N, C-alpha and C. Protein backbone atom coordinates (compact mmCIF):
# COMPACT_ATOMS: atom_id res chain seq x y z
N MET A 1 0.82 -1.18 0.00
CA MET A 1 -0.01 -0.01 0.00
C MET A 1 0.88 1.26 0.00
N TYR A 2 1.86 1.36 0.93
CA TYR A 2 2.71 2.53 1.01
C TYR A 2 3.55 2.70 -0.21
N LYS A 3 4.04 1.56 -0.75
CA LYS A 3 4.90 1.63 -1.93
C LYS A 3 4.10 2.19 -3.12
N HIS A 4 2.88 1.71 -3.30
CA HIS A 4 2.03 2.21 -4.36
C HIS A 4 1.73 3.70 -4.17
N GLN A 5 1.43 4.08 -2.91
CA GLN A 5 1.18 5.49 -2.63
C GLN A 5 2.39 6.36 -2.94
N ALA A 6 3.59 5.88 -2.55
CA ALA A 6 4.79 6.65 -2.79
C ALA A 6 5.01 6.82 -4.32
N GLU A 7 4.82 5.74 -5.07
CA GLU A 7 5.00 5.82 -6.53
C GLU A 7 4.02 6.79 -7.16
N ASP A 8 2.75 6.73 -6.73
CA ASP A 8 1.72 7.63 -7.24
C ASP A 8 2.05 9.09 -6.96
N LEU A 9 2.49 9.36 -5.72
CA LEU A 9 2.81 10.75 -5.35
C LEU A 9 4.01 11.27 -6.10
N ARG A 10 5.01 10.43 -6.28
CA ARG A 10 6.20 10.86 -7.06
C ARG A 10 5.81 11.13 -8.50
N ALA A 11 4.98 10.27 -9.07
CA ALA A 11 4.53 10.48 -10.45
C ALA A 11 3.72 11.79 -10.58
N GLU A 12 2.89 12.07 -9.61
CA GLU A 12 2.10 13.31 -9.62
C GLU A 12 3.02 14.52 -9.51
N ALA A 13 4.04 14.44 -8.65
CA ALA A 13 4.99 15.56 -8.53
C ALA A 13 5.75 15.78 -9.82
N GLU A 14 6.17 14.70 -10.46
CA GLU A 14 6.86 14.84 -11.74
C GLU A 14 5.94 15.44 -12.81
N SER A 15 4.69 15.03 -12.76
CA SER A 15 3.71 15.58 -13.72
C SER A 15 3.51 17.08 -13.54
N LEU A 16 3.45 17.50 -12.28
CA LEU A 16 3.35 18.93 -11.98
C LEU A 16 4.55 19.69 -12.48
N ALA A 17 5.71 19.10 -12.35
CA ALA A 17 6.93 19.77 -12.83
C ALA A 17 6.96 19.90 -14.34
N GLN A 18 6.41 18.87 -15.03
CA GLN A 18 6.45 18.89 -16.48
C GLN A 18 5.36 19.76 -17.09
N GLU A 19 4.30 20.07 -16.30
CA GLU A 19 3.23 20.87 -16.80
C GLU A 19 3.62 22.32 -17.13
N ARG A 20 4.66 22.75 -16.53
CA ARG A 20 5.09 24.13 -16.78
C ARG A 20 6.53 24.16 -17.20
N GLU A 21 6.81 25.12 -18.03
CA GLU A 21 8.15 25.37 -18.50
C GLU A 21 8.84 26.32 -17.52
N PRO A 22 10.16 26.22 -17.38
CA PRO A 22 10.84 27.21 -16.54
C PRO A 22 10.58 28.60 -17.08
N GLY A 23 10.29 29.50 -16.21
CA GLY A 23 9.96 30.88 -16.64
C GLY A 23 8.48 31.12 -16.85
N ASP A 24 7.65 30.08 -16.85
CA ASP A 24 6.23 30.21 -17.11
C ASP A 24 5.47 30.71 -15.84
N VAL A 25 6.12 30.73 -14.72
CA VAL A 25 5.46 31.08 -13.47
C VAL A 25 5.17 32.56 -13.39
N GLN A 26 3.92 32.90 -13.12
CA GLN A 26 3.56 34.29 -12.95
C GLN A 26 3.48 34.59 -11.46
N PHE A 27 4.12 35.67 -11.06
CA PHE A 27 4.07 36.08 -9.68
C PHE A 27 3.50 37.50 -9.66
N ASP A 28 2.21 37.61 -9.80
CA ASP A 28 1.58 38.92 -9.68
C ASP A 28 0.43 38.83 -8.69
N GLU A 29 -0.23 39.91 -8.44
CA GLU A 29 -1.29 39.92 -7.42
C GLU A 29 -2.49 39.09 -7.84
N GLU A 30 -2.75 38.94 -9.12
CA GLU A 30 -3.93 38.22 -9.59
C GLU A 30 -3.71 36.74 -9.78
N SER A 31 -2.49 36.29 -9.91
CA SER A 31 -2.22 34.88 -10.19
C SER A 31 -1.34 34.27 -9.13
N GLY A 32 -1.88 33.27 -8.42
CA GLY A 32 -1.08 32.52 -7.44
C GLY A 32 -0.71 31.18 -7.99
N GLU A 33 -0.95 30.93 -9.29
CA GLU A 33 -0.81 29.62 -9.91
C GLU A 33 0.57 29.06 -9.74
N GLY A 34 1.63 29.83 -9.99
CA GLY A 34 2.99 29.33 -9.91
C GLY A 34 3.31 28.82 -8.53
N GLY A 35 2.94 29.56 -7.51
CA GLY A 35 3.22 29.13 -6.16
C GLY A 35 2.44 27.90 -5.79
N THR A 36 1.22 27.78 -6.26
CA THR A 36 0.40 26.61 -5.96
C THR A 36 0.97 25.34 -6.53
N ILE A 37 1.45 25.40 -7.78
CA ILE A 37 2.05 24.21 -8.40
C ILE A 37 3.29 23.81 -7.65
N ALA A 38 4.11 24.75 -7.26
CA ALA A 38 5.36 24.41 -6.51
C ALA A 38 5.02 23.81 -5.17
N VAL A 39 4.04 24.36 -4.50
CA VAL A 39 3.62 23.81 -3.17
C VAL A 39 3.05 22.41 -3.33
N ASP A 40 2.21 22.18 -4.33
CA ASP A 40 1.62 20.87 -4.57
C ASP A 40 2.73 19.86 -4.89
N ARG A 41 3.69 20.24 -5.68
CA ARG A 41 4.79 19.34 -6.04
C ARG A 41 5.62 19.01 -4.79
N GLU A 42 5.94 20.00 -4.02
CA GLU A 42 6.71 19.76 -2.80
C GLU A 42 5.97 18.88 -1.82
N ARG A 43 4.65 19.11 -1.68
CA ARG A 43 3.82 18.25 -0.83
C ARG A 43 3.88 16.80 -1.28
N ASP A 44 3.70 16.58 -2.59
CA ASP A 44 3.71 15.22 -3.13
C ASP A 44 5.04 14.55 -2.91
N LEU A 45 6.16 15.27 -3.10
CA LEU A 45 7.46 14.69 -2.87
C LEU A 45 7.68 14.35 -1.40
N THR A 46 7.19 15.23 -0.50
CA THR A 46 7.32 14.93 0.93
C THR A 46 6.49 13.72 1.35
N LEU A 47 5.28 13.64 0.86
CA LEU A 47 4.42 12.48 1.18
C LEU A 47 5.01 11.20 0.63
N SER A 48 5.60 11.26 -0.57
CA SER A 48 6.22 10.12 -1.15
C SER A 48 7.39 9.66 -0.29
N ALA A 49 8.23 10.58 0.14
CA ALA A 49 9.36 10.24 0.99
C ALA A 49 8.89 9.63 2.32
N GLN A 50 7.83 10.16 2.89
CA GLN A 50 7.28 9.65 4.15
C GLN A 50 6.78 8.21 3.96
N ALA A 51 6.16 7.90 2.83
CA ALA A 51 5.66 6.57 2.57
C ALA A 51 6.83 5.59 2.43
N LEU A 52 7.91 6.03 1.80
CA LEU A 52 9.09 5.16 1.64
C LEU A 52 9.75 4.91 3.00
N VAL A 53 9.78 5.90 3.88
CA VAL A 53 10.30 5.68 5.24
C VAL A 53 9.46 4.66 5.99
N ALA A 54 8.12 4.77 5.84
CA ALA A 54 7.25 3.83 6.54
C ALA A 54 7.49 2.40 6.02
N ILE A 55 7.74 2.25 4.75
CA ILE A 55 8.07 0.94 4.17
C ILE A 55 9.32 0.37 4.81
N GLU A 56 10.35 1.23 4.96
CA GLU A 56 11.60 0.78 5.56
C GLU A 56 11.36 0.36 7.02
N GLU A 57 10.56 1.13 7.76
CA GLU A 57 10.27 0.81 9.16
C GLU A 57 9.53 -0.51 9.28
N ILE A 58 8.59 -0.73 8.37
CA ILE A 58 7.82 -2.00 8.37
C ILE A 58 8.75 -3.17 8.07
N ASP A 59 9.65 -3.00 7.13
CA ASP A 59 10.63 -4.07 6.80
C ASP A 59 11.51 -4.40 8.00
N VAL A 60 11.94 -3.36 8.75
CA VAL A 60 12.73 -3.61 9.96
C VAL A 60 11.90 -4.38 11.02
N ALA A 61 10.62 -4.01 11.15
CA ALA A 61 9.76 -4.69 12.10
C ALA A 61 9.54 -6.18 11.71
N LEU A 62 9.40 -6.42 10.40
CA LEU A 62 9.24 -7.81 9.94
C LEU A 62 10.51 -8.62 10.21
N ALA A 63 11.66 -8.01 10.02
CA ALA A 63 12.92 -8.67 10.33
C ALA A 63 13.03 -8.99 11.83
N ALA A 64 12.55 -8.04 12.67
CA ALA A 64 12.58 -8.25 14.11
C ALA A 64 11.68 -9.40 14.52
N ILE A 65 10.58 -9.56 13.83
CA ILE A 65 9.67 -10.68 14.09
C ILE A 65 10.41 -11.98 13.79
N ASP A 66 11.10 -11.99 12.63
CA ASP A 66 11.83 -13.18 12.23
C ASP A 66 12.94 -13.55 13.23
N ASP A 67 13.65 -12.53 13.77
CA ASP A 67 14.75 -12.87 14.68
C ASP A 67 14.32 -12.80 16.18
N LYS A 68 13.01 -12.76 16.37
CA LYS A 68 12.42 -12.84 17.75
C LYS A 68 12.80 -11.67 18.65
N THR A 69 13.03 -10.52 18.06
CA THR A 69 13.30 -9.31 18.88
C THR A 69 12.16 -8.27 18.78
N TYR A 70 11.11 -8.59 18.06
CA TYR A 70 10.02 -7.63 17.90
C TYR A 70 9.38 -7.36 19.28
N GLY A 71 9.12 -6.09 19.52
CA GLY A 71 8.47 -5.72 20.78
C GLY A 71 9.44 -5.34 21.87
N SER A 72 10.72 -5.42 21.59
CA SER A 72 11.73 -4.99 22.59
C SER A 72 12.35 -3.70 22.13
N CYS A 73 12.56 -2.82 23.07
CA CYS A 73 13.16 -1.50 22.75
C CYS A 73 14.60 -1.71 22.29
N GLU A 74 14.96 -1.10 21.19
CA GLU A 74 16.29 -1.23 20.65
C GLU A 74 17.29 -0.49 21.51
N ASN A 75 16.85 0.42 22.33
CA ASN A 75 17.78 1.22 23.16
C ASN A 75 18.03 0.54 24.53
N CYS A 76 16.95 0.28 25.25
CA CYS A 76 17.11 -0.25 26.63
C CYS A 76 16.79 -1.70 26.73
N GLY A 77 16.20 -2.34 25.73
CA GLY A 77 15.92 -3.76 25.77
C GLY A 77 14.62 -4.13 26.50
N GLN A 78 13.98 -3.17 27.09
CA GLN A 78 12.71 -3.43 27.83
C GLN A 78 11.59 -3.67 26.81
N PRO A 79 10.54 -4.41 27.25
CA PRO A 79 9.42 -4.62 26.33
C PRO A 79 8.69 -3.30 26.00
N ILE A 80 8.31 -3.15 24.76
CA ILE A 80 7.51 -2.00 24.36
C ILE A 80 6.06 -2.35 24.68
N PRO A 81 5.34 -1.44 25.38
CA PRO A 81 3.97 -1.75 25.74
C PRO A 81 3.10 -2.08 24.54
N LYS A 82 2.20 -3.04 24.74
CA LYS A 82 1.33 -3.49 23.63
C LYS A 82 0.47 -2.34 23.07
N ALA A 83 0.07 -1.43 23.91
CA ALA A 83 -0.75 -0.28 23.43
C ALA A 83 0.06 0.53 22.40
N ARG A 84 1.36 0.71 22.68
CA ARG A 84 2.21 1.47 21.72
C ARG A 84 2.37 0.68 20.42
N LEU A 85 2.57 -0.61 20.52
CA LEU A 85 2.69 -1.45 19.32
C LEU A 85 1.40 -1.49 18.51
N ARG A 86 0.27 -1.45 19.20
CA ARG A 86 -1.01 -1.39 18.47
C ARG A 86 -1.13 -0.08 17.69
N ALA A 87 -0.67 0.99 18.33
CA ALA A 87 -0.78 2.33 17.70
C ALA A 87 0.29 2.50 16.63
N LEU A 88 1.46 1.94 16.84
CA LEU A 88 2.57 2.11 15.93
C LEU A 88 3.28 0.74 15.81
N PRO A 89 2.77 -0.16 15.00
CA PRO A 89 3.30 -1.53 14.95
C PRO A 89 4.78 -1.64 14.65
N TYR A 90 5.35 -0.61 14.05
CA TYR A 90 6.80 -0.70 13.74
C TYR A 90 7.63 0.15 14.72
N ALA A 91 7.09 0.40 15.92
CA ALA A 91 7.83 1.13 16.95
C ALA A 91 9.11 0.35 17.30
N ARG A 92 10.21 1.07 17.36
CA ARG A 92 11.49 0.42 17.70
C ARG A 92 12.00 0.79 19.07
N LEU A 93 11.34 1.84 19.65
CA LEU A 93 11.76 2.30 20.99
C LEU A 93 10.56 2.39 21.90
N CYS A 94 10.79 2.18 23.19
CA CYS A 94 9.71 2.36 24.17
C CYS A 94 9.47 3.88 24.29
N VAL A 95 8.42 4.24 24.96
CA VAL A 95 8.08 5.68 25.09
C VAL A 95 9.17 6.47 25.80
N ALA A 96 9.73 5.89 26.87
CA ALA A 96 10.74 6.60 27.63
C ALA A 96 11.97 6.89 26.78
N CYS A 97 12.41 5.92 26.01
CA CYS A 97 13.59 6.10 25.16
C CYS A 97 13.28 7.04 23.98
N LYS A 98 12.08 6.92 23.43
CA LYS A 98 11.75 7.79 22.31
C LYS A 98 11.65 9.26 22.75
N SER A 99 11.22 9.49 23.96
CA SER A 99 11.04 10.87 24.44
C SER A 99 12.34 11.42 25.02
N GLY A 100 13.43 10.71 24.83
CA GLY A 100 14.70 11.24 25.28
C GLY A 100 15.18 10.67 26.61
N GLY A 101 14.54 9.58 27.01
CA GLY A 101 15.01 8.91 28.23
C GLY A 101 14.79 9.69 29.51
N LEU A 102 13.56 10.16 29.69
CA LEU A 102 13.22 10.88 30.91
C LEU A 102 13.52 10.00 32.13
N HIS A 103 14.20 10.53 33.10
CA HIS A 103 14.62 9.75 34.26
C HIS A 103 13.67 10.03 35.44
N ARG A 104 13.55 9.02 36.28
CA ARG A 104 12.77 9.19 37.53
C ARG A 104 13.60 9.97 38.53
N ARG A 105 12.93 10.69 39.37
CA ARG A 105 13.65 11.49 40.41
C ARG A 105 13.83 10.65 41.64
C-alpha cells in the first residue's frame, strides 16, 4: 500500500513539474498559480518520501519478528507496551527512550 502510494505521489509531482516550463510562473497579485504548483509538487514529494520511510520501518519490524526481537526496545531492551505497538506496529523504541530517556527522580 505505502509503496504504491509513494509511486503515485512521485509520479504526480513529476507531472506537476512537467506541466510548466521554466519561466512560465507568474508572480503577480492576480495569479497565485505558480506558487500553488510548486507547493503541490513539494507536498507530493514529501508524502512520497514519508511513505518510503514507513516501508523501511515496516521491513525492519518484519525482520525483528523473524529474529524474535520484535516488541523489545532497541535502546534499553525493555518490552515496548502493547498499546504502543497497536498504535505504531513498527515502533522500535519504548516511550521513555523515544522521548529522550526521561529519568525518575
